[in-house]
PDB file of N, CA and C in Angstrom:
ATOM      1  N   MET A   1      26.220 190.501 -59.197  1.00  0.00           N
ATOM      2  CA  MET A   1      24.668 190.125 -58.465  1.00  0.00           C
ATOM      3  C   MET A   1      24.272 188.577 -58.452  1.00  0.00           C
ATOM      4  N   SER A   2      23.339 187.922 -57.258  1.00  0.00           N
ATOM      5  CA  SER A   2      23.520 186.965 -57.713  1.00  0.00           C
ATOM      6  C   SER A   2      21.825 186.347 -58.345  1.00  0.00           C
ATOM      7  N   ILE A   3      21.641 185.705 -59.059  1.00  0.00           N
ATOM      8  CA  ILE A   3      20.406 185.222 -59.869  1.00  0.00           C
ATOM      9  C   ILE A   3      19.553 184.076 -58.851  1.00  0.00           C
ATOM     10  N   PHE A   4      18.484 184.142 -58.676  1.00  0.00           N
ATOM     11  CA  PHE A   4      17.158 183.221 -57.885  1.00  0.00           C
ATOM     12  C   PHE A   4      16.769 182.480 -59.356  1.00  0.00           C
ATOM     13  N   LYS A   5      16.811 181.003 -59.309  1.00  0.00           N
ATOM     14  CA  LYS A   5      15.739 180.818 -59.749  1.00  0.00           C
ATOM     15  C   LYS A   5      14.980 179.778 -59.173  1.00  0.00           C
ATOM     16  N   ASN A   6      13.795 179.225 -59.027  1.00  0.00           N
ATOM     17  CA  ASN A   6      13.085 177.815 -58.449  1.00  0.00           C
ATOM     18  C   ASN A   6      12.741 177.539 -60.241  1.00  0.00           C
ATOM     19  N   ILE A   7      13.076 176.448 -59.852  1.00  0.00           N
ATOM     20  CA  ILE A   7      12.869 175.278 -60.982  1.00  0.00           C
ATOM     21  C   ILE A   7      11.539 174.600 -60.816  1.00  0.00           C
ATOM     22  N   SER A   8      11.067 174.185 -62.352  1.00  0.00           N
ATOM     23  CA  SER A   8       9.703 173.119 -61.901  1.00  0.00           C
ATOM     24  C   SER A   8       9.498 172.726 -63.467  1.00  0.00           C
ATOM     25  N   ALA A   9      10.574 173.195 -63.814  1.00  0.00           N
ATOM     26  CA  ALA A   9      10.409 172.589 -65.500  1.00  0.00           C
ATOM     27  C   ALA A   9      11.375 171.879 -66.355  1.00  0.00           C
ATOM     28  N   THR A  10      11.575 170.499 -66.814  1.00  0.00           N
ATOM     29  CA  THR A  10      13.050 169.875 -66.917  1.00  0.00           C
ATOM     30  C   THR A  10      13.608 170.716 -67.348  1.00  0.00           C
ATOM     31  N   SER A  11      13.796 171.034 -67.939  1.00  0.00           N
ATOM     32  CA  SER A  11      14.838 171.753 -68.904  1.00  0.00           C
ATOM     33  C   SER A  11      14.835 174.171 -68.679  1.00  0.00           C
ATOM     34  N   THR A  12      15.260 174.118 -68.304  1.00  0.00           N
ATOM     35  CA  THR A  12      15.802 175.969 -67.543  1.00  0.00           C
ATOM     36  C   THR A  12      16.639 176.448 -67.880  1.00  0.00           C
ATOM     37  N   THR A  13      16.885 177.288 -68.839  1.00  0.00           N
ATOM     38  CA  THR A  13      17.806 178.495 -68.827  1.00  0.00           C
ATOM     39  C   THR A  13      18.732 179.044 -67.295  1.00  0.00           C
ATOM     40  N   LEU A  14      18.891 178.933 -66.834  1.00  0.00           N
ATOM     41  CA  LEU A  14      19.843 179.283 -66.385  1.00  0.00           C
ATOM     42  C   LEU A  14      21.027 180.685 -65.967  1.00  0.00           C
ATOM     43  N   MET A  15      21.008 180.967 -67.735  1.00  0.00           N
ATOM     44  CA  MET A  15      21.846 182.651 -67.561  1.00  0.00           C
ATOM     45  C   MET A  15      21.954 182.515 -69.203  1.00  0.00           C
ATOM     46  N   GLU A  16      21.423 183.325 -70.172  1.00  0.00           N
ATOM     47  CA  GLU A  16      20.981 183.767 -71.455  1.00  0.00           C
ATOM     48  C   GLU A  16      22.409 183.709 -72.410  1.00  0.00           C
ATOM     49  N   LYS A  17      22.216 183.340 -73.036  1.00  0.00           N
ATOM     50  CA  LYS A  17      23.562 183.892 -74.470  1.00  0.00           C
ATOM     51  C   LYS A  17      23.116 185.612 -74.883  1.00  0.00           C
ATOM     52  N   THR A  18      24.177 185.976 -74.549  1.00  0.00           N
ATOM     53  CA  THR A  18      23.824 187.496 -75.059  1.00  0.00           C
ATOM     54  C   THR A  18      25.064 188.689 -74.962  1.00  0.00           C
ATOM     55  N   VAL A  19      25.278 189.298 -75.700  1.00  0.00           N
ATOM     56  CA  VAL A  19      26.055 190.678 -75.889  1.00  0.00           C
ATOM     57  C   VAL A  19      25.268 192.189 -74.711  1.00  0.00           C
ATOM     58  N   TYR A  20      26.689 192.232 -73.589  1.00  0.00           N
ATOM     59  CA  TYR A  20      26.414 192.555 -72.641  1.00  0.00           C
ATOM     60  C   TYR A  20      27.250 193.883 -73.316  1.00  0.00           C
ATOM     61  N   ALA A  21      27.087 195.638 -73.327  1.00  0.00           N
ATOM     62  CA  ALA A  21      28.310 196.259 -73.052  1.00  0.00           C
ATOM     63  C   ALA A  21      29.351 196.198 -72.921  1.00  0.00           C
ATOM     64  N   GLY A  22      30.422 195.599 -72.962  1.00  0.00           N
ATOM     65  CA  GLY A  22      31.703 195.691 -72.072  1.00  0.00           C
ATOM     66  C   GLY A  22      31.396 194.523 -71.016  1.00  0.00           C
ATOM     67  N   ARG A  23      31.120 192.914 -71.107  1.00  0.00           N
ATOM     68  CA  ARG A  23      30.637 191.889 -70.980  1.00  0.00           C
ATOM     69  C   ARG A  23      31.422 191.219 -71.400  1.00  0.00           C
ATOM     70  N   GLN A  24      31.913 190.477 -71.468  1.00  0.00           N
ATOM     71  CA  GLN A  24      32.018 189.034 -72.669  1.00  0.00           C
ATOM     72  C   GLN A  24      32.071 187.907 -71.514  1.00  0.00           C
ATOM     73  N   PHE A  25      31.925 187.655 -70.467  1.00  0.00           N
ATOM     74  CA  PHE A  25      32.223 186.159 -69.850  1.00  0.00           C
ATOM     75  C   PHE A  25      31.265 186.107 -68.374  1.00  0.00           C
ATOM     76  N   GLY A  26      30.430 185.202 -68.641  1.00  0.00           N
ATOM     77  CA  GLY A  26      29.351 184.985 -67.518  1.00  0.00           C
ATOM     78  C   GLY A  26      30.324 183.889 -66.130  1.00  0.00           C
ATOM     79  N   VAL A  27      30.610 185.162 -65.495  1.00  0.00           N
ATOM     80  CA  VAL A  27      31.031 184.346 -64.069  1.00  0.00           C
ATOM     81  C   VAL A  27      30.653 184.319 -63.078  1.00  0.00           C
ATOM     82  N   ILE A  28      30.536 182.970 -62.625  1.00  0.00           N
ATOM     83  CA  ILE A  28      29.728 181.694 -61.721  1.00  0.00           C
ATOM     84  C   ILE A  28      30.738 181.375 -60.920  1.00  0.00           C
ATOM     85  N   ASN A  29      30.930 181.993 -59.528  1.00  0.00           N
ATOM     86  CA  ASN A  29      31.995 181.768 -58.014  1.00  0.00           C
ATOM     87  C   ASN A  29      31.358 180.845 -57.631  1.00  0.00           C
ATOM     88  N   ASN A  30      29.606 180.400 -57.187  1.00  0.00           N
ATOM     89  CA  ASN A  30      28.538 179.467 -56.788  1.00  0.00           C
ATOM     90  C   ASN A  30      28.078 178.956 -57.445  1.00  0.00           C
ATOM     91  N   ILE A  31      26.676 177.736 -57.254  1.00  0.00           N
ATOM     92  CA  ILE A  31      26.077 177.432 -57.735  1.00  0.00           C
ATOM     93  C   ILE A  31      25.337 177.166 -56.121  1.00  0.00           C
ATOM     94  N   TYR A  32      24.294 177.154 -56.162  1.00  0.00           N
ATOM     95  CA  TYR A  32      23.389 175.855 -54.930  1.00  0.00           C
ATOM     96  C   TYR A  32      22.763 176.104 -55.597  1.00  0.00           C
ATOM     97  N   ILE A  33      22.039 174.399 -54.728  1.00  0.00           N
ATOM     98  CA  ILE A  33      20.874 173.742 -55.793  1.00  0.00           C
ATOM     99  C   ILE A  33      20.381 172.850 -54.470  1.00  0.00           C
ATOM    100  N   ASN A  34      18.679 173.296 -54.146  1.00  0.00           N
ATOM    101  CA  ASN A  34      18.571 172.937 -53.294  1.00  0.00           C
ATOM    102  C   ASN A  34      17.506 171.446 -53.367  1.00  0.00           C
ATOM    103  N   ASN A  35      16.763 170.598 -53.293  1.00  0.00           N
ATOM    104  CA  ASN A  35      15.815 170.044 -53.859  1.00  0.00           C
ATOM    105  C   ASN A  35      14.602 170.389 -53.032  1.00  0.00           C
ATOM    106  N   ASN A  36      14.050 170.578 -52.734  1.00  0.00           N
ATOM    107  CA  ASN A  36      12.713 170.684 -52.128  1.00  0.00           C
ATOM    108  C   ASN A  36      11.629 170.178 -51.960  1.00  0.00           C
ATOM    109  N   HIS A  37      11.492 169.551 -53.117  1.00  0.00           N
ATOM    110  CA  HIS A  37      10.497 168.121 -53.192  1.00  0.00           C
ATOM    111  C   HIS A  37      10.559 167.118 -51.620  1.00  0.00           C
ATOM    112  N   ASP A  38       9.120 166.871 -51.269  1.00  0.00           N
ATOM    113  CA  ASP A  38       9.075 165.756 -50.064  1.00  0.00           C
ATOM    114  C   ASP A  38       9.109 164.430 -50.246  1.00  0.00           C
ATOM    115  N   THR A  39       9.234 164.148 -51.405  1.00  0.00           N
ATOM    116  CA  THR A  39       9.139 162.633 -51.113  1.00  0.00           C
ATOM    117  C   THR A  39      10.132 162.314 -53.210  1.00  0.00           C
ATOM    118  N   ASN A  40      10.811 162.675 -53.937  1.00  0.00           N
ATOM    119  CA  ASN A  40      11.292 162.608 -55.194  1.00  0.00           C
ATOM    120  C   ASN A  40      12.759 163.379 -54.981  1.00  0.00           C
ATOM    121  N   PRO A  41      13.347 162.348 -54.736  1.00  0.00           N
ATOM    122  CA  PRO A  41      14.854 162.675 -54.976  1.00  0.00           C
ATOM    123  C   PRO A  41      15.141 163.236 -57.072  1.00  0.00           C
ATOM    124  N   CYS A  42      16.085 163.802 -57.051  1.00  0.00           N
ATOM    125  CA  CYS A  42      16.302 164.883 -58.394  1.00  0.00           C
ATOM    126  C   CYS A  42      17.703 164.780 -59.204  1.00  0.00           C
ATOM    127  N   THR A  43      17.259 164.452 -60.786  1.00  0.00           N
ATOM    128  CA  THR A  43      19.080 164.095 -61.204  1.00  0.00           C
ATOM    129  C   THR A  43      19.408 164.947 -61.981  1.00  0.00           C
ATOM    130  N   VAL A  44      20.069 165.608 -62.205  1.00  0.00           N
ATOM    131  CA  VAL A  44      20.623 167.092 -62.356  1.00  0.00           C
ATOM    132  C   VAL A  44      21.722 166.955 -63.332  1.00  0.00           C
ATOM    133  N   SER A  45      21.336 168.154 -64.224  1.00  0.00           N
ATOM    134  CA  SER A  45      22.561 167.646 -65.765  1.00  0.00           C
ATOM    135  C   SER A  45      23.046 169.447 -65.587  1.00  0.00           C
ATOM    136  N   ILE A  46      23.731 169.896 -65.398  1.00  0.00           N
ATOM    137  CA  ILE A  46      23.781 171.644 -65.332  1.00  0.00           C
ATOM    138  C   ILE A  46      25.356 172.042 -66.687  1.00  0.00           C
ATOM    139  N   TRP A  47      24.764 172.728 -67.626  1.00  0.00           N
ATOM    140  CA  TRP A  47      26.137 172.578 -68.621  1.00  0.00           C
ATOM    141  C   TRP A  47      25.204 173.735 -69.568  1.00  0.00           C
ATOM    142  N   LEU A  48      26.994 174.169 -70.481  1.00  0.00           N
ATOM    143  CA  LEU A  48      26.967 175.043 -71.081  1.00  0.00           C
ATOM    144  C   LEU A  48      26.967 174.475 -72.360  1.00  0.00           C
ATOM    145  N   ALA A  49      25.392 175.244 -72.736  1.00  0.00           N
ATOM    146  CA  ALA A  49      24.788 174.793 -74.198  1.00  0.00           C
ATOM    147  C   ALA A  49      26.039 175.973 -75.199  1.00  0.00           C
ATOM    148  N   GLY A  50      26.006 175.918 -76.087  1.00  0.00           N
ATOM    149  CA  GLY A  50      26.378 176.258 -77.374  1.00  0.00           C
ATOM    150  C   GLY A  50      26.641 174.932 -78.176  1.00  0.00           C
ATOM    151  N   SER A  51      28.657 175.572 -79.309  1.00  0.00           N
ATOM    152  CA  SER A  51      29.376 175.017 -79.346  1.00  0.00           C
ATOM    153  C   SER A  51      30.537 174.701 -79.017  1.00  0.00           C
ATOM    154  N   PRO A  52      31.393 173.751 -78.070  1.00  0.00           N
ATOM    155  CA  PRO A  52      30.460 172.164 -77.974  1.00  0.00           C
ATOM    156  C   PRO A  52      29.593 172.759 -76.851  1.00  0.00           C
ATOM    157  N   ASN A  53      29.207 172.085 -76.263  1.00  0.00           N
ATOM    158  CA  ASN A  53      28.319 171.576 -75.202  1.00  0.00           C
ATOM    159  C   ASN A  53      29.669 171.567 -74.015  1.00  0.00           C
ATOM    160  N   TYR A  54      29.267 171.325 -73.044  1.00  0.00           N
ATOM    161  CA  TYR A  54      30.007 171.676 -71.927  1.00  0.00           C
ATOM    162  C   TYR A  54      29.265 171.622 -70.607  1.00  0.00           C
ATOM    163  N   TYR A  55      29.443 169.978 -70.094  1.00  0.00           N
ATOM    164  CA  TYR A  55      29.219 170.017 -68.990  1.00  0.00           C
ATOM    165  C   TYR A  55      29.689 169.830 -67.239  1.00  0.00           C
ATOM    166  N   ILE A  56      29.687 170.558 -66.060  1.00  0.00           N
ATOM    167  CA  ILE A  56      29.772 171.462 -64.956  1.00  0.00           C
ATOM    168  C   ILE A  56      29.653 169.862 -64.593  1.00  0.00           C
ATOM    169  N   VAL A  57      28.386 169.174 -64.772  1.00  0.00           N
ATOM    170  CA  VAL A  57      27.548 168.288 -63.359  1.00  0.00           C
ATOM    171  C   VAL A  57      26.641 167.932 -64.759  1.00  0.00           C
ATOM    172  N   LYS A  58      26.703 166.012 -64.205  1.00  0.00           N
ATOM    173  CA  LYS A  58      25.658 165.708 -65.504  1.00  0.00           C
ATOM    174  C   LYS A  58      25.048 164.370 -64.605  1.00  0.00           C
ATOM    175  N   ASN A  59      23.234 163.938 -64.489  1.00  0.00           N
ATOM    176  CA  ASN A  59      23.239 163.125 -64.291  1.00  0.00           C
ATOM    177  C   ASN A  59      23.511 163.030 -62.428  1.00  0.00           C
ATOM    178  N   LEU A  60      23.819 163.839 -62.148  1.00  0.00           N
ATOM    179  CA  LEU A  60      23.897 163.984 -60.123  1.00  0.00           C
ATOM    180  C   LEU A  60      22.364 163.974 -59.409  1.00  0.00           C
ATOM    181  N   VAL A  61      22.217 162.744 -58.367  1.00  0.00           N
ATOM    182  CA  VAL A  61      21.053 162.720 -58.344  1.00  0.00           C
ATOM    183  C   VAL A  61      21.724 163.960 -56.508  1.00  0.00           C
ATOM    184  N   ILE A  62      20.337 164.354 -56.952  1.00  0.00           N
ATOM    185  CA  ILE A  62      20.900 165.451 -55.311  1.00  0.00           C
ATOM    186  C   ILE A  62      19.302 164.583 -54.239  1.00  0.00           C
ATOM    187  N   PRO A  63      19.464 164.448 -52.903  1.00  0.00           N
ATOM    188  CA  PRO A  63      18.282 163.640 -52.456  1.00  0.00           C
ATOM    189  C   PRO A  63      16.929 164.440 -51.434  1.00  0.00           C
ATOM    190  N   VAL A  64      16.300 164.488 -51.151  1.00  0.00           N
ATOM    191  CA  VAL A  64      14.526 165.180 -50.369  1.00  0.00           C
ATOM    192  C   VAL A  64      15.333 166.055 -49.483  1.00  0.00           C
ATOM    193  N   GLY A  65      15.176 167.725 -50.087  1.00  0.00           N
ATOM    194  CA  GLY A  65      15.669 168.269 -48.571  1.00  0.00           C
ATOM    195  C   GLY A  65      17.027 168.092 -48.665  1.00  0.00           C
ATOM    196  N   ALA A  66      18.373 167.691 -49.769  1.00  0.00           N
ATOM    197  CA  ALA A  66      19.114 168.573 -49.867  1.00  0.00           C
ATOM    198  C   ALA A  66      19.101 169.547 -50.943  1.00  0.00           C
ATOM    199  N   GLY A  67      21.060 169.846 -50.493  1.00  0.00           N
ATOM    200  CA  GLY A  67      21.454 170.725 -50.843  1.00  0.00           C
ATOM    201  C   GLY A  67      22.679 170.777 -51.488  1.00  0.00           C
ATOM    202  N   LEU A  68      22.880 171.067 -52.442  1.00  0.00           N
ATOM    203  CA  LEU A  68      24.658 171.202 -53.040  1.00  0.00           C
ATOM    204  C   LEU A  68      24.942 172.877 -53.231  1.00  0.00           C
ATOM    205  N   ASN A  69      26.001 172.511 -52.914  1.00  0.00           N
ATOM    206  CA  ASN A  69      26.855 173.774 -53.551  1.00  0.00           C
ATOM    207  C   ASN A  69      28.484 173.440 -53.882  1.00  0.00           C
ATOM    208  N   LEU A  70      27.843 174.166 -55.607  1.00  0.00           N
ATOM    209  CA  LEU A  70      29.434 174.047 -56.480  1.00  0.00           C
ATOM    210  C   LEU A  70      29.907 175.301 -56.370  1.00  0.00           C
ATOM    211  N   ASP A  71      31.581 175.441 -55.813  1.00  0.00           N
ATOM    212  CA  ASP A  71      32.254 176.308 -55.789  1.00  0.00           C
ATOM    213  C   ASP A  71      33.169 176.596 -56.337  1.00  0.00           C
ATOM    214  N   ARG A  72      34.181 177.863 -56.754  1.00  0.00           N
ATOM    215  CA  ARG A  72      34.837 178.154 -57.799  1.00  0.00           C
ATOM    216  C   ARG A  72      34.428 177.503 -59.635  1.00  0.00           C
ATOM    217  N   VAL A  73      33.554 177.308 -59.954  1.00  0.00           N
ATOM    218  CA  VAL A  73      32.873 176.817 -60.451  1.00  0.00           C
ATOM    219  C   VAL A  73      33.139 177.397 -62.484  1.00  0.00           C
ATOM    220  N   VAL A  74      33.188 177.685 -63.049  1.00  0.00           N
ATOM    221  CA  VAL A  74      33.461 178.447 -63.853  1.00  0.00           C
ATOM    222  C   VAL A  74      32.937 179.634 -64.508  1.00  0.00           C
ATOM    223  N   ASN A  75      33.981 180.284 -65.330  1.00  0.00           N
ATOM    224  CA  ASN A  75      33.547 181.287 -66.409  1.00  0.00           C
ATOM    225  C   ASN A  75      33.468 180.866 -67.901  1.00  0.00           C
ATOM    226  N   PHE A  76      32.400 181.855 -68.531  1.00  0.00           N
ATOM    227  CA  PHE A  76      32.875 181.241 -69.612  1.00  0.00           C
ATOM    228  C   PHE A  76      32.152 182.144 -70.093  1.00  0.00           C
ATOM    229  N   ASP A  77      32.238 182.148 -71.868  1.00  0.00           N
ATOM    230  CA  ASP A  77      32.218 183.424 -72.430  1.00  0.00           C
ATOM    231  C   ASP A  77      30.413 183.469 -72.623  1.00  0.00           C
ATOM    232  N   ILE A  78      29.912 184.529 -72.443  1.00  0.00           N
ATOM    233  CA  ILE A  78      28.051 184.304 -72.701  1.00  0.00           C
ATOM    234  C   ILE A  78      27.837 185.202 -74.116  1.00  0.00           C
ATOM    235  N   THR A  79      28.720 184.663 -74.222  1.00  0.00           N
ATOM    236  CA  THR A  79      28.406 185.383 -76.307  1.00  0.00           C
ATOM    237  C   THR A  79      28.110 184.038 -77.188  1.00  0.00           C
ATOM    238  N   THR A  80      28.747 182.907 -76.517  1.00  0.00           N
ATOM    239  CA  THR A  80      28.711 181.818 -77.076  1.00  0.00           C
ATOM    240  C   THR A  80      27.693 181.233 -76.599  1.00  0.00           C
ATOM    241  N   HIS A  81      27.493 180.595 -75.143  1.00  0.00           N
ATOM    242  CA  HIS A  81      27.130 179.624 -74.862  1.00  0.00           C
ATOM    243  C   HIS A  81      25.908 180.206 -74.017  1.00  0.00           C
ATOM    244  N   THR A  82      25.065 178.983 -73.217  1.00  0.00           N
ATOM    245  CA  THR A  82      23.736 179.742 -72.068  1.00  0.00           C
ATOM    246  C   THR A  82      24.269 178.607 -71.413  1.00  0.00           C
ATOM    247  N   LEU A  83      24.083 179.148 -70.221  1.00  0.00           N
ATOM    248  CA  LEU A  83      23.904 178.107 -68.571  1.00  0.00           C
ATOM    249  C   LEU A  83      21.881 176.844 -68.737  1.00  0.00           C
ATOM    250  N   LYS A  84      22.523 175.990 -68.393  1.00  0.00           N
ATOM    251  CA  LYS A  84      21.887 175.319 -68.892  1.00  0.00           C
ATOM    252  C   LYS A  84      21.087 174.285 -67.601  1.00  0.00           C
ATOM    253  N   ILE A  85      20.233 174.153 -67.641  1.00  0.00           N
ATOM    254  CA  ILE A  85      19.547 172.980 -65.888  1.00  0.00           C
ATOM    255  C   ILE A  85      19.267 172.365 -66.912  1.00  0.00           C
ATOM    256  N   ASP A  86      18.865 170.716 -66.109  1.00  0.00           N
ATOM    257  CA  ASP A  86      18.149 169.220 -66.630  1.00  0.00           C
ATOM    258  C   ASP A  86      17.832 168.825 -65.588  1.00  0.00           C
ATOM    259  N   THR A  87      17.287 168.626 -65.621  1.00  0.00           N
ATOM    260  CA  THR A  87      16.456 167.891 -64.508  1.00  0.00           C
ATOM    261  C   THR A  87      15.876 166.564 -64.800  1.00  0.00           C
ATOM    262  N   SER A  88      15.509 165.775 -63.918  1.00  0.00           N
ATOM    263  CA  SER A  88      14.254 164.814 -63.917  1.00  0.00           C
ATOM    264  C   SER A  88      13.206 165.413 -63.908  1.00  0.00           C
ATOM    265  N   ALA A  89      12.103 164.542 -63.772  1.00  0.00           N
ATOM    266  CA  ALA A  89      10.361 164.429 -63.957  1.00  0.00           C
ATOM    267  C   ALA A  89       9.621 164.898 -62.400  1.00  0.00           C
ATOM    268  N   SER A  90       8.806 165.743 -62.853  1.00  0.00           N
ATOM    269  CA  SER A  90       8.550 166.880 -61.711  1.00  0.00           C
ATOM    270  C   SER A  90       9.555 167.290 -60.236  1.00  0.00           C
ATOM    271  N   PRO A  91      10.492 167.719 -61.342  1.00  0.00           N
ATOM    272  CA  PRO A  91      10.742 169.007 -59.879  1.00  0.00           C
ATOM    273  C   PRO A  91      10.739 170.070 -59.216  1.00  0.00           C
ATOM    274  N   ASN A  92      11.435 170.200 -58.079  1.00  0.00           N
ATOM    275  CA  ASN A  92      11.092 171.415 -57.400  1.00  0.00           C
ATOM    276  C   ASN A  92      12.160 171.393 -56.577  1.00  0.00           C
ATOM    277  N   LEU A  93      12.773 172.467 -57.419  1.00  0.00           N
ATOM    278  CA  LEU A  93      14.680 173.386 -56.947  1.00  0.00           C
ATOM    279  C   LEU A  93      14.399 174.798 -56.736  1.00  0.00           C
ATOM    280  N   THR A  94      15.578 174.774 -55.604  1.00  0.00           N
ATOM    281  CA  THR A  94      16.531 176.472 -55.852  1.00  0.00           C
ATOM    282  C   THR A  94      17.455 176.397 -56.743  1.00  0.00           C
ATOM    283  N   VAL A  95      17.710 177.066 -57.168  1.00  0.00           N
ATOM    284  CA  VAL A  95      19.515 177.302 -58.070  1.00  0.00           C
ATOM    285  C   VAL A  95      19.519 179.241 -57.333  1.00  0.00           C
ATOM    286  N   ILE A  96      20.479 178.835 -57.016  1.00  0.00           N
ATOM    287  CA  ILE A  96      21.110 180.774 -56.460  1.00  0.00           C
ATOM    288  C   ILE A  96      22.929 180.770 -57.336  1.00  0.00           C
ATOM    289  N   ILE A  97      22.652 181.522 -57.932  1.00  0.00           N
ATOM    290  CA  ILE A  97      23.865 181.536 -59.161  1.00  0.00           C
ATOM    291  C   ILE A  97      24.758 182.598 -58.355  1.00  0.00           C
ATOM    292  N   ASP A  98      25.681 182.576 -57.661  1.00  0.00           N
ATOM    293  CA  ASP A  98      26.573 183.837 -58.023  1.00  0.00           C
ATOM    294  C   ASP A  98      28.532 184.302 -58.012  1.00  0.00           C
TER     295      ASP A  98
END
């Protein structure tokens, strides 16, 4: 099932650290990020917060009106890590994870 998020804060949790019955891994095949802002590019970092932290992308600039598709991203232990996105000021992003 896909996850859809509209991002307007500088730090957002995309997938919570949790224990699902019978599910230990966060499976991410694609992350699509679109910058919906009319005038400002947006700098994004996507990372797995836990011990230790792992960055999928760090300080990546997405131009106004542009999108980015990250495919074959990562499978991670959802019981020990949280998927997060940090952005520059005043973001207006759409994030789709599947």
